[in-house]
PDB file of N, CA and C in Angstrom:
ATOM      1  N   UNK A   1      -5.463  21.547 -10.592  1.00  0.00           N
ATOM      2  CA  UNK A   1      -5.061  20.709  -9.688  1.00  0.00           C
ATOM      3  C   UNK A   1      -5.228  20.799  -8.656  1.00  0.00           C
ATOM      4  N   UNK A   2      -6.028  19.744  -7.970  1.00  0.00           N
ATOM      5  CA  UNK A   2      -7.017  20.370  -6.436  1.00  0.00           C
ATOM      6  C   UNK A   2      -5.799  20.558  -5.610  1.00  0.00           C
ATOM      7  N   UNK A   3      -6.057  21.619  -4.942  1.00  0.00           N
ATOM      8  CA  UNK A   3      -4.962  22.127  -3.520  1.00  0.00           C
ATOM      9  C   UNK A   3      -5.872  22.441  -2.282  1.00  0.00           C
ATOM     10  N   UNK A   4      -5.270  22.186  -1.386  1.00  0.00           N
ATOM     11  CA  UNK A   4      -5.912  22.472   0.066  1.00  0.00           C
ATOM     12  C   UNK A   4      -4.599  23.416   0.752  1.00  0.00           C
ATOM     13  N   UNK A   5      -5.114  24.471   1.299  1.00  0.00           N
ATOM     14  CA  UNK A   5      -4.300  25.372   1.755  1.00  0.00           C
ATOM     15  C   UNK A   5      -4.980  25.820   3.505  1.00  0.00           C
ATOM     16  N   UNK A   6      -4.177  25.404   4.467  1.00  0.00           N
ATOM     17  CA  UNK A   6      -4.468  25.688   5.517  1.00  0.00           C
ATOM     18  C   UNK A   6      -4.004  26.613   5.923  1.00  0.00           C
ATOM     19  N   UNK A   7      -4.168  26.885   7.261  1.00  0.00           N
ATOM     20  CA  UNK A   7      -4.080  27.936   8.173  1.00  0.00           C
ATOM     21  C   UNK A   7      -4.351  27.903   9.420  1.00  0.00           C
ATOM     22  N   UNK A   8      -3.620  28.674  10.532  1.00  0.00           N
ATOM     23  CA  UNK A   8      -4.083  28.906  11.549  1.00  0.00           C
ATOM     24  C   UNK A   8      -3.217  28.294  12.693  1.00  0.00           C
ATOM     25  N   UNK A   9      -1.663  27.681  12.251  1.00  0.00           N
ATOM     26  CA  UNK A   9      -1.277  27.131  13.452  1.00  0.00           C
ATOM     27  C   UNK A   9      -0.147  27.848  13.956  1.00  0.00           C
ATOM     28  N   UNK A  10       0.159  27.267  14.943  1.00  0.00           N
ATOM     29  CA  UNK A  10       0.833  28.372  15.128  1.00  0.00           C
ATOM     30  C   UNK A  10       1.537  27.439  17.424  1.00  0.00           C
ATOM     31  N   UNK A  11       1.870  28.421  17.579  1.00  0.00           N
ATOM     32  CA  UNK A  11       2.677  28.390  19.255  1.00  0.00           C
ATOM     33  C   UNK A  11       1.602  28.735  20.274  1.00  0.00           C
ATOM     34  N   UNK A  12       1.303  27.912  21.348  1.00  0.00           N
ATOM     35  CA  UNK A  12      -0.198  27.952  22.476  1.00  0.00           C
ATOM     36  C   UNK A  12       0.481  27.393  23.612  1.00  0.00           C
ATOM     37  N   UNK A  13      -0.355  28.366  24.325  1.00  0.00           N
ATOM     38  CA  UNK A  13       0.372  27.727  25.914  1.00  0.00           C
ATOM     39  C   UNK A  13      -0.967  26.491  26.314  1.00  0.00           C
ATOM     40  N   UNK A  14      -0.382  25.549  27.062  1.00  0.00           N
ATOM     41  CA  UNK A  14      -1.119  24.404  28.033  1.00  0.00           C
ATOM     42  C   UNK A  14      -2.192  25.100  27.794  1.00  0.00           C
ATOM     43  N   UNK A  15      -3.680  24.433  27.639  1.00  0.00           N
ATOM     44  CA  UNK A  15      -4.944  25.012  28.300  1.00  0.00           C
ATOM     45  C   UNK A  15      -5.738  26.296  26.762  1.00  0.00           C
ATOM     46  N   UNK A  16      -4.701  26.764  26.143  1.00  0.00           N
ATOM     47  CA  UNK A  16      -5.210  27.547  25.523  1.00  0.00           C
ATOM     48  C   UNK A  16      -6.194  26.636  24.160  1.00  0.00           C
ATOM     49  N   UNK A  17      -6.620  27.542  23.037  1.00  0.00           N
ATOM     50  CA  UNK A  17      -6.848  27.309  21.974  1.00  0.00           C
ATOM     51  C   UNK A  17      -6.296  27.770  20.500  1.00  0.00           C
ATOM     52  N   UNK A  18      -6.795  27.452  19.463  1.00  0.00           N
ATOM     53  CA  UNK A  18      -6.082  27.275  18.494  1.00  0.00           C
ATOM     54  C   UNK A  18      -7.563  27.218  17.365  1.00  0.00           C
ATOM     55  N   UNK A  19      -7.544  27.558  16.519  1.00  0.00           N
ATOM     56  CA  UNK A  19      -8.660  26.971  15.402  1.00  0.00           C
ATOM     57  C   UNK A  19      -7.878  27.349  13.926  1.00  0.00           C
ATOM     58  N   UNK A  20      -7.855  25.781  13.387  1.00  0.00           N
ATOM     59  CA  UNK A  20      -7.396  25.809  11.593  1.00  0.00           C
ATOM     60  C   UNK A  20      -9.152  25.348  11.067  1.00  0.00           C
ATOM     61  N   UNK A  21      -8.108  25.924  10.106  1.00  0.00           N
ATOM     62  CA  UNK A  21      -8.838  26.331   8.697  1.00  0.00           C
ATOM     63  C   UNK A  21      -8.082  25.693   7.815  1.00  0.00           C
ATOM     64  N   UNK A  22      -9.245  24.916   6.528  1.00  0.00           N
ATOM     65  CA  UNK A  22      -9.100  24.219   5.465  1.00  0.00           C
ATOM     66  C   UNK A  22      -9.495  24.711   4.317  1.00  0.00           C
ATOM     67  N   UNK A  23      -8.848  25.342   3.378  1.00  0.00           N
ATOM     68  CA  UNK A  23      -9.733  25.349   1.905  1.00  0.00           C
ATOM     69  C   UNK A  23      -9.289  24.616   0.933  1.00  0.00           C
ATOM     70  N   UNK A  24     -10.321  24.006   0.093  1.00  0.00           N
ATOM     71  CA  UNK A  24     -10.049  23.103  -1.023  1.00  0.00           C
ATOM     72  C   UNK A  24     -10.619  23.513  -2.357  1.00  0.00           C
ATOM     73  N   UNK A  25      -9.361  23.991  -3.442  1.00  0.00           N
ATOM     74  CA  UNK A  25      -9.637  24.750  -4.201  1.00  0.00           C
ATOM     75  C   UNK A  25      -9.473  23.506  -5.958  1.00  0.00           C
ATOM     76  N   UNK A  26     -10.196  24.448  -6.859  1.00  0.00           N
ATOM     77  CA  UNK A  26      -9.712  23.553  -8.229  1.00  0.00           C
ATOM     78  C   UNK A  26     -10.367  22.229  -8.073  1.00  0.00           C
ATOM     79  N   UNK A  27     -11.408  22.151  -7.376  1.00  0.00           N
ATOM     80  CA  UNK A  27     -11.830  20.604  -7.333  1.00  0.00           C
ATOM     81  C   UNK A  27     -13.361  20.834  -7.950  1.00  0.00           C
ATOM     82  N   UNK A  28     -13.287  19.885  -9.546  1.00  0.00           N
ATOM     83  CA  UNK A  28     -14.481  19.492 -10.366  1.00  0.00           C
ATOM     84  C   UNK A  28     -15.150  18.788  -9.598  1.00  0.00           C
ATOM     85  N   UNK A  29     -14.874  17.709  -9.010  1.00  0.00           N
ATOM     86  CA  UNK A  29     -15.703  16.761  -8.303  1.00  0.00           C
ATOM     87  C   UNK A  29     -16.296  17.049  -7.125  1.00  0.00           C
ATOM     88  N   UNK A  30     -17.345  16.586  -6.397  1.00  0.00           N
ATOM     89  CA  UNK A  30     -18.028  16.862  -5.229  1.00  0.00           C
ATOM     90  C   UNK A  30     -16.869  16.773  -4.246  1.00  0.00           C
ATOM     91  N   UNK A  31     -16.662  17.199  -3.189  1.00  0.00           N
ATOM     92  CA  UNK A  31     -15.900  16.935  -1.511  1.00  0.00           C
ATOM     93  C   UNK A  31     -16.686  16.485  -0.729  1.00  0.00           C
ATOM     94  N   UNK A  32     -16.392  15.080  -0.569  1.00  0.00           N
ATOM     95  CA  UNK A  32     -17.331  14.433   0.567  1.00  0.00           C
ATOM     96  C   UNK A  32     -16.950  14.178   1.613  1.00  0.00           C
ATOM     97  N   UNK A  33     -15.670  13.931   2.214  1.00  0.00           N
ATOM     98  CA  UNK A  33     -15.397  13.694   3.145  1.00  0.00           C
ATOM     99  C   UNK A  33     -14.049  14.924   3.215  1.00  0.00           C
ATOM    100  N   UNK A  34     -13.977  15.508   4.757  1.00  0.00           N
ATOM    101  CA  UNK A  34     -12.943  16.446   5.345  1.00  0.00           C
ATOM    102  C   UNK A  34     -12.240  15.866   6.517  1.00  0.00           C
ATOM    103  N   UNK A  35     -11.336  16.233   6.760  1.00  0.00           N
ATOM    104  CA  UNK A  35     -10.587  15.918   7.807  1.00  0.00           C
ATOM    105  C   UNK A  35      -9.196  16.306   8.316  1.00  0.00           C
ATOM    106  N   UNK A  36      -8.639  16.204   9.895  1.00  0.00           N
ATOM    107  CA  UNK A  36      -7.830  16.491   9.785  1.00  0.00           C
ATOM    108  C   UNK A  36      -6.946  15.160  10.764  1.00  0.00           C
ATOM    109  N   UNK A  37      -5.561  15.028  10.435  1.00  0.00           N
ATOM    110  CA  UNK A  37      -4.624  14.313  11.098  1.00  0.00           C
ATOM    111  C   UNK A  37      -3.578  15.199  11.113  1.00  0.00           C
ATOM    112  N   UNK A  38      -2.703  14.101  12.171  1.00  0.00           N
ATOM    113  CA  UNK A  38      -1.668  14.612  12.702  1.00  0.00           C
ATOM    114  C   UNK A  38      -0.562  14.070  12.897  1.00  0.00           C
ATOM    115  N   UNK A  39       0.443  14.286  12.554  1.00  0.00           N
ATOM    116  CA  UNK A  39       1.669  13.530  12.714  1.00  0.00           C
ATOM    117  C   UNK A  39       3.074  14.159  14.026  1.00  0.00           C
ATOM    118  N   UNK A  40       3.221  13.551  15.183  1.00  0.00           N
ATOM    119  CA  UNK A  40       4.204  14.113  15.708  1.00  0.00           C
ATOM    120  C   UNK A  40       5.546  13.427  15.471  1.00  0.00           C
ATOM    121  N   UNK A  41       6.695  13.730  15.798  1.00  0.00           N
ATOM    122  CA  UNK A  41       8.257  13.561  15.583  1.00  0.00           C
ATOM    123  C   UNK A  41       8.000  12.014  15.858  1.00  0.00           C
ATOM    124  N   UNK A  42       8.440  11.211  15.113  1.00  0.00           N
ATOM    125  CA  UNK A  42       9.266  10.021  15.571  1.00  0.00           C
ATOM    126  C   UNK A  42       7.221   9.085  15.984  1.00  0.00           C
ATOM    127  N   UNK A  43       6.174   9.560  15.414  1.00  0.00           N
ATOM    128  CA  UNK A  43       5.195   8.971  15.842  1.00  0.00           C
ATOM    129  C   UNK A  43       4.701   8.754  13.903  1.00  0.00           C
ATOM    130  N   UNK A  44       3.351   7.692  14.168  1.00  0.00           N
ATOM    131  CA  UNK A  44       2.510   7.734  12.964  1.00  0.00           C
ATOM    132  C   UNK A  44       1.658   8.628  12.895  1.00  0.00           C
ATOM    133  N   UNK A  45       1.139   9.134  11.668  1.00  0.00           N
ATOM    134  CA  UNK A  45       0.131  10.119  11.232  1.00  0.00           C
ATOM    135  C   UNK A  45      -1.064   9.157  11.890  1.00  0.00           C
ATOM    136  N   UNK A  46      -1.998  10.462  12.516  1.00  0.00           N
ATOM    137  CA  UNK A  46      -3.310   9.765  13.200  1.00  0.00           C
ATOM    138  C   UNK A  46      -4.323  10.415  13.126  1.00  0.00           C
ATOM    139  N   UNK A  47      -5.332   9.764  13.271  1.00  0.00           N
ATOM    140  CA  UNK A  47      -6.903  10.503  12.970  1.00  0.00           C
ATOM    141  C   UNK A  47      -6.975  11.243  14.303  1.00  0.00           C
ATOM    142  N   UNK A  48      -7.374  12.757  13.823  1.00  0.00           N
ATOM    143  CA  UNK A  48      -8.069  13.634  14.631  1.00  0.00           C
ATOM    144  C   UNK A  48      -8.947  13.663  14.655  1.00  0.00           C
ATOM    145  N   UNK A  49     -10.088  14.401  13.349  1.00  0.00           N
ATOM    146  CA  UNK A  49     -11.451  13.838  13.405  1.00  0.00           C
ATOM    147  C   UNK A  49     -11.425  14.283  11.589  1.00  0.00           C
ATOM    148  N   UNK A  50     -12.590  13.641  11.514  1.00  0.00           N
ATOM    149  CA  UNK A  50     -13.160  14.078   9.886  1.00  0.00           C
ATOM    150  C   UNK A  50     -15.140  14.020  10.187  1.00  0.00           C
ATOM    151  N   UNK A  51     -15.434  14.937   8.806  1.00  0.00           N
ATOM    152  CA  UNK A  51     -16.993  15.305   8.950  1.00  0.00           C
ATOM    153  C   UNK A  51     -17.124  14.801   7.319  1.00  0.00           C
ATOM    154  N   UNK A  52     -18.590  14.439   7.459  1.00  0.00           N
ATOM    155  CA  UNK A  52     -19.027  14.048   5.913  1.00  0.00           C
ATOM    156  C   UNK A  52     -19.803  15.785   5.447  1.00  0.00           C
ATOM    157  N   UNK A  53     -19.861  15.667   4.152  1.00  0.00           N
ATOM    158  CA  UNK A  53     -20.902  16.396   3.702  1.00  0.00           C
ATOM    159  C   UNK A  53     -22.182  16.787   4.390  1.00  0.00           C
ATOM    160  N   UNK A  54     -22.505  15.622   5.140  1.00  0.00           N
ATOM    161  CA  UNK A  54     -24.076  15.326   5.690  1.00  0.00           C
ATOM    162  C   UNK A  54     -23.910  16.366   7.242  1.00  0.00           C
ATOM    163  N   UNK A  55     -22.478  16.109   7.815  1.00  0.00           N
ATOM    164  CA  UNK A  55     -22.038  16.928   9.164  1.00  0.00           C
ATOM    165  C   UNK A  55     -21.817  15.652  10.197  1.00  0.00           C
ATOM    166  N   UNK A  56     -22.091  14.343   9.874  1.00  0.00           N
ATOM    167  CA  UNK A  56     -21.583  13.635  10.293  1.00  0.00           C
ATOM    168  C   UNK A  56     -20.029  13.444  10.740  1.00  0.00           C
ATOM    169  N   UNK A  57     -19.850  13.485  11.983  1.00  0.00           N
ATOM    170  CA  UNK A  57     -18.373  13.709  12.570  1.00  0.00           C
ATOM    171  C   UNK A  57     -17.728  12.612  13.242  1.00  0.00           C
ATOM    172  N   UNK A  58     -16.790  12.453  13.239  1.00  0.00           N
ATOM    173  CA  UNK A  58     -15.863  11.118  14.131  1.00  0.00           C
ATOM    174  C   UNK A  58     -14.817  11.922  14.718  1.00  0.00           C
ATOM    175  N   UNK A  59     -14.237  11.515  15.892  1.00  0.00           N
ATOM    176  CA  UNK A  59     -12.970  11.759  16.412  1.00  0.00           C
ATOM    177  C   UNK A  59     -12.207  10.647  16.965  1.00  0.00           C
ATOM    178  N   UNK A  60     -11.093  11.203  17.193  1.00  0.00           N
ATOM    179  CA  UNK A  60      -9.885  10.380  17.609  1.00  0.00           C
ATOM    180  C   UNK A  60     -10.106  10.575  18.892  1.00  0.00           C
ATOM    181  N   UNK A  61      -9.855   8.701  19.770  1.00  0.00           N
ATOM    182  CA  UNK A  61     -10.434   9.461  21.346  1.00  0.00           C
ATOM    183  C   UNK A  61      -9.130  10.293  21.895  1.00  0.00           C
ATOM    184  N   UNK A  62      -8.227  10.691  21.491  1.00  0.00           N
ATOM    185  CA  UNK A  62      -6.846  11.662  22.405  1.00  0.00           C
ATOM    186  C   UNK A  62      -7.928  12.828  22.158  1.00  0.00           C
ATOM    187  N   UNK A  63      -8.809  13.230  21.563  1.00  0.00           N
ATOM    188  CA  UNK A  63      -8.907  14.880  21.477  1.00  0.00           C
ATOM    189  C   UNK A  63     -10.798  14.911  21.295  1.00  0.00           C
ATOM    190  N   UNK A  64     -10.987  13.480  22.180  1.00  0.00           N
ATOM    191  CA  UNK A  64     -12.945  13.564  21.865  1.00  0.00           C
ATOM    192  C   UNK A  64     -12.915  14.770  23.119  1.00  0.00           C
ATOM    193  N   UNK A  65     -14.343  15.180  22.930  1.00  0.00           N
ATOM    194  CA  UNK A  65     -14.362  16.302  24.189  1.00  0.00           C
ATOM    195  C   UNK A  65     -13.729  17.768  23.898  1.00  0.00           C
ATOM    196  N   UNK A  66     -12.810  18.011  23.238  1.00  0.00           N
ATOM    197  CA  UNK A  66     -11.691  19.219  23.226  1.00  0.00           C
ATOM    198  C   UNK A  66     -11.780  19.906  22.200  1.00  0.00           C
ATOM    199  N   UNK A  67     -12.085  18.830  20.940  1.00  0.00           N
ATOM    200  CA  UNK A  67     -11.922  19.564  19.121  1.00  0.00           C
ATOM    201  C   UNK A  67     -12.417  19.328  19.104  1.00  0.00           C
ATOM    202  N   UNK A  68     -13.416  20.503  18.129  1.00  0.00           N
ATOM    203  CA  UNK A  68     -14.475  20.419  17.480  1.00  0.00           C
ATOM    204  C   UNK A  68     -14.615  21.017  15.858  1.00  0.00           C
ATOM    205  N   UNK A  69     -14.937  19.599  15.200  1.00  0.00           N
ATOM    206  CA  UNK A  69     -14.514  19.727  13.609  1.00  0.00           C
ATOM    207  C   UNK A  69     -16.209  20.301  12.878  1.00  0.00           C
ATOM    208  N   UNK A  70     -15.844  21.546  11.825  1.00  0.00           N
ATOM    209  CA  UNK A  70     -16.955  22.068  11.542  1.00  0.00           C
ATOM    210  C   UNK A  70     -16.537  21.942   9.723  1.00  0.00           C
ATOM    211  N   UNK A  71     -17.468  22.207   9.186  1.00  0.00           N
ATOM    212  CA  UNK A  71     -17.255  22.537   7.560  1.00  0.00           C
ATOM    213  C   UNK A  71     -18.241  23.546   6.779  1.00  0.00           C
ATOM    214  N   UNK A  72     -17.941  24.089   5.629  1.00  0.00           N
ATOM    215  CA  UNK A  72     -18.866  25.042   5.316  1.00  0.00           C
ATOM    216  C   UNK A  72     -18.446  24.510   3.761  1.00  0.00           C
ATOM    217  N   UNK A  73     -20.026  23.921   3.308  1.00  0.00           N
ATOM    218  CA  UNK A  73     -20.083  22.851   1.577  1.00  0.00           C
ATOM    219  C   UNK A  73     -19.588  23.776   0.532  1.00  0.00           C
ATOM    220  N   UNK A  74     -20.047  25.294   0.670  1.00  0.00           N
ATOM    221  CA  UNK A  74     -20.593  26.085   0.168  1.00  0.00           C
ATOM    222  C   UNK A  74     -18.850  26.525  -0.490  1.00  0.00           C
ATOM    223  N   UNK A  75     -18.183  26.579   0.637  1.00  0.00           N
ATOM    224  CA  UNK A  75     -16.620  27.002   0.564  1.00  0.00           C
ATOM    225  C   UNK A  75     -15.510  25.823   0.738  1.00  0.00           C
ATOM    226  N   UNK A  76     -16.022  24.820   0.612  1.00  0.00           N
ATOM    227  CA  UNK A  76     -15.416  23.660   0.362  1.00  0.00           C
ATOM    228  C   UNK A  76     -14.409  23.941   1.298  1.00  0.00           C
ATOM    229  N   UNK A  77     -14.480  24.011   2.563  1.00  0.00           N
ATOM    230  CA  UNK A  77     -13.825  24.894   4.014  1.00  0.00           C
ATOM    231  C   UNK A  77     -14.254  23.823   5.405  1.00  0.00           C
ATOM    232  N   UNK A  78     -12.876  23.239   5.873  1.00  0.00           N
ATOM    233  CA  UNK A  78     -13.523  22.671   7.205  1.00  0.00           C
ATOM    234  C   UNK A  78     -12.312  23.242   8.005  1.00  0.00           C
ATOM    235  N   UNK A  79     -12.711  23.031   9.789  1.00  0.00           N
ATOM    236  CA  UNK A  79     -12.052  23.944  10.650  1.00  0.00           C
ATOM    237  C   UNK A  79     -11.974  22.971  11.819  1.00  0.00           C
ATOM    238  N   UNK A  80     -11.182  23.446  12.487  1.00  0.00           N
ATOM    239  CA  UNK A  80     -11.156  22.344  13.600  1.00  0.00           C
ATOM    240  C   UNK A  80     -10.590  23.445  14.590  1.00  0.00           C
ATOM    241  N   UNK A  81     -11.659  23.404  15.784  1.00  0.00           N
ATOM    242  CA  UNK A  81     -11.187  24.135  17.115  1.00  0.00           C
ATOM    243  C   UNK A  81     -10.889  23.709  18.287  1.00  0.00           C
ATOM    244  N   UNK A  82      -9.383  23.965  18.172  1.00  0.00           N
ATOM    245  CA  UNK A  82      -8.780  22.860  19.350  1.00  0.00           C
ATOM    246  C   UNK A  82      -8.849  23.697  20.746  1.00  0.00           C
ATOM    247  N   UNK A  83      -9.503  22.969  21.835  1.00  0.00           N
ATOM    248  CA  UNK A  83      -9.530  23.605  22.905  1.00  0.00           C
ATOM    249  C   UNK A  83      -8.938  22.630  23.926  1.00  0.00           C
ATOM    250  N   UNK A  84      -8.656  23.666  24.882  1.00  0.00           N
ATOM    251  CA  UNK A  84      -7.933  22.525  26.201  1.00  0.00           C
ATOM    252  C   UNK A  84      -6.598  21.919  25.718  1.00  0.00           C
ATOM    253  N   UNK A  85      -5.811  23.042  25.031  1.00  0.00           N
ATOM    254  CA  UNK A  85      -4.438  21.880  24.251  1.00  0.00           C
ATOM    255  C   UNK A  85      -3.523  21.954  25.115  1.00  0.00           C
ATOM    256  N   UNK A  86      -2.853  20.471  25.095  1.00  0.00           N
ATOM    257  CA  UNK A  86      -1.683  19.916  26.163  1.00  0.00           C
ATOM    258  C   UNK A  86      -0.671  19.858  25.075  1.00  0.00           C
ATOM    259  N   UNK A  87       0.536  19.863  25.788  1.00  0.00           N
ATOM    260  CA  UNK A  87       1.892  19.239  25.118  1.00  0.00           C
ATOM    261  C   UNK A  87       1.540  17.899  24.148  1.00  0.00           C
ATOM    262  N   UNK A  88       1.172  17.185  24.038  1.00  0.00           N
ATOM    263  CA  UNK A  88       0.877  16.128  23.441  1.00  0.00           C
ATOM    264  C   UNK A  88       0.039  16.839  22.167  1.00  0.00           C
ATOM    265  N   UNK A  89      -0.455  17.220  22.161  1.00  0.00           N
ATOM    266  CA  UNK A  89      -0.967  17.981  20.942  1.00  0.00           C
ATOM    267  C   UNK A  89      -0.244  18.061  19.860  1.00  0.00           C
ATOM    268  N   UNK A  90       0.782  18.733  20.342  1.00  0.00           N
ATOM    269  CA  UNK A  90       2.268  19.121  19.568  1.00  0.00           C
ATOM    270  C   UNK A  90       2.470  18.149  18.571  1.00  0.00           C
ATOM    271  N   UNK A  91       2.041  18.719  16.918  1.00  0.00           N
ATOM    272  CA  UNK A  91       2.151  17.820  15.993  1.00  0.00           C
ATOM    273  C   UNK A  91       2.181  18.630  14.441  1.00  0.00           C
ATOM    274  N   UNK A  92       2.412  18.324  13.689  1.00  0.00           N
ATOM    275  CA  UNK A  92       1.966  18.756  12.403  1.00  0.00           C
ATOM    276  C   UNK A  92       0.751  18.554  12.097  1.00  0.00           C
ATOM    277  N   UNK A  93      -0.061  19.092  11.634  1.00  0.00           N
ATOM    278  CA  UNK A  93      -1.460  19.324  11.418  1.00  0.00           C
ATOM    279  C   UNK A  93      -1.768  19.064  10.114  1.00  0.00           C
ATOM    280  N   UNK A  94      -2.472  18.002   9.434  1.00  0.00           N
ATOM    281  CA  UNK A  94      -2.548  18.064   8.097  1.00  0.00           C
ATOM    282  C   UNK A  94      -4.272  17.775   7.594  1.00  0.00           C
ATOM    283  N   UNK A  95      -4.708  18.437   7.058  1.00  0.00           N
ATOM    284  CA  UNK A  95      -5.768  18.331   6.099  1.00  0.00           C
ATOM    285  C   UNK A  95      -5.729  17.199   5.172  1.00  0.00           C
ATOM    286  N   UNK A  96      -7.415  16.520   4.859  1.00  0.00           N
ATOM    287  CA  UNK A  96      -7.392  15.759   4.023  1.00  0.00           C
ATOM    288  C   UNK A  96      -8.621  15.950   3.783  1.00  0.00           C
ATOM    289  N   UNK A  97      -8.977  16.001   2.364  1.00  0.00           N
ATOM    290  CA  UNK A  97     -10.242  15.962   1.467  1.00  0.00           C
ATOM    291  C   UNK A  97     -10.360  14.712   0.604  1.00  0.00           C
ATOM    292  N   UNK A  98     -11.586  14.025   0.476  1.00  0.00           N
ATOM    293  CA  UNK A  98     -12.001  12.897  -0.447  1.00  0.00           C
ATOM    294  C   UNK A  98     -13.074  13.353  -0.837  1.00  0.00           C
ATOM    295  N   UNK A  99     -13.053  12.955  -2.436  1.00  0.00           N
ATOM    296  CA  UNK A  99     -13.739  13.310  -3.383  1.00  0.00           C
ATOM    297  C   UNK A  99     -14.870  12.080  -3.759  1.00  0.00           C
ATOM    298  N   UNK A 100     -15.817  12.156  -4.483  1.00  0.00           N
ATOM    299  CA  UNK A 100     -17.398  11.206  -4.526  1.00  0.00           C
ATOM    300  C   UNK A 100     -16.396  10.452  -5.536  1.00  0.00           C
ATOM    301  N   UNK A 101     -15.025  10.430  -6.204  1.00  0.00           N
ATOM    302  CA  UNK A 101     -14.430   9.264  -6.454  1.00  0.00           C
ATOM    303  C   UNK A 101     -13.699   8.231  -5.380  1.00  0.00           C
ATOM    304  N   UNK A 102     -13.643   8.784  -4.408  1.00  0.00           N
ATOM    305  CA  UNK A 102     -12.478   8.353  -3.548  1.00  0.00           C
ATOM    306  C   UNK A 102     -11.314   8.774  -3.790  1.00  0.00           C
ATOM    307  N   UNK A 103     -10.658   9.572  -4.157  1.00  0.00           N
ATOM    308  CA  UNK A 103      -9.721  10.094  -4.239  1.00  0.00           C
ATOM    309  C   UNK A 103      -9.324  11.251  -3.108  1.00  0.00           C
ATOM    310  N   UNK A 104      -8.328  10.667  -2.515  1.00  0.00           N
ATOM    311  CA  UNK A 104      -7.620  11.742  -1.243  1.00  0.00           C
ATOM    312  C   UNK A 104      -6.917  12.659  -1.745  1.00  0.00           C
ATOM    313  N   UNK A 105      -6.828  14.010  -1.057  1.00  0.00           N
ATOM    314  CA  UNK A 105      -6.165  14.925  -1.483  1.00  0.00           C
ATOM    315  C   UNK A 105      -5.290  15.259  -0.109  1.00  0.00           C
ATOM    316  N   UNK A 106      -4.042  15.904  -0.100  1.00  0.00           N
ATOM    317  CA  UNK A 106      -3.438  16.329   1.641  1.00  0.00           C
ATOM    318  C   UNK A 106      -2.927  17.922   0.941  1.00  0.00           C
ATOM    319  N   UNK A 107      -2.996  18.419   2.446  1.00  0.00           N
ATOM    320  CA  UNK A 107      -2.739  19.856   2.285  1.00  0.00           C
ATOM    321  C   UNK A 107      -1.183  19.676   3.128  1.00  0.00           C
ATOM    322  N   UNK A 108      -0.613  20.573   2.708  1.00  0.00           N
ATOM    323  CA  UNK A 108       1.052  20.619   2.971  1.00  0.00           C
ATOM    324  C   UNK A 108       1.191  20.254   4.871  1.00  0.00           C
ATOM    325  N   UNK A 109       0.709  20.593   5.349  1.00  0.00           N
ATOM    326  CA  UNK A 109       0.471  20.631   6.937  1.00  0.00           C
ATOM    327  C   UNK A 109       0.765  21.964   7.552  1.00  0.00           C
ATOM    328  N   UNK A 110       0.228  22.059   8.906  1.00  0.00           N
ATOM    329  CA  UNK A 110       0.418  23.205   9.894  1.00  0.00           C
ATOM    330  C   UNK A 110       0.967  22.927  11.083  1.00  0.00           C
ATOM    331  N   UNK A 111       1.663  23.739  11.477  1.00  0.00           N
ATOM    332  CA  UNK A 111       2.582  23.248  12.889  1.00  0.00           C
ATOM    333  C   UNK A 111       1.735  23.267  13.952  1.00  0.00           C
ATOM    334  N   UNK A 112       1.375  22.968  14.929  1.00  0.00           N
ATOM    335  CA  UNK A 112       1.259  23.574  16.107  1.00  0.00           C
ATOM    336  C   UNK A 112       1.523  22.665  17.371  1.00  0.00           C
ATOM    337  N   UNK A 113       2.183  24.086  18.367  1.00  0.00           N
ATOM    338  CA  UNK A 113       3.236  23.559  19.112  1.00  0.00           C
ATOM    339  C   UNK A 113       2.548  23.992  20.129  1.00  0.00           C
ATOM    340  N   UNK A 114       2.417  23.167  21.205  1.00  0.00           N
ATOM    341  CA  UNK A 114       1.835  23.708  22.703  1.00  0.00           C
ATOM    342  C   UNK A 114       2.891  23.450  23.495  1.00  0.00           C
ATOM    343  N   UNK A 115       3.141  24.894  24.429  1.00  0.00           N
ATOM    344  CA  UNK A 115       4.476  24.457  25.573  1.00  0.00           C
ATOM    345  C   UNK A 115       4.422  26.176  25.892  1.00  0.00           C
ATOM    346  N   UNK A 116       4.502  25.764  27.235  1.00  0.00           N
ATOM    347  CA  UNK A 116       4.838  26.879  28.290  1.00  0.00           C
ATOM    348  C   UNK A 116       5.712  28.074  27.924  1.00  0.00           C
TER     349      UNK A 116
END
């Protein structure tokens, strides 16, 4: 069974930075797209950023210019570098991976809290 293991969440002050990681294991099919989504209390899950195997990235409007997504294909790992964090970035961040059959897998989520 495919597993996604996230790490790197925590508490940070406004203006600070955090780096999230997500590693996909036990996938026998090629992972095509990887990405991050987030869900704040009382809100719908929203796109943060995605990246294809070829390196093409896409960002949600609220994080453009502050967050950077990257990946290591050989490790089936995706990263999210979050800079200039704001209180409104507080949410549970979920990793998502899509394989060549267009099946989606989700991580368990990691909490990011931006507060002074």
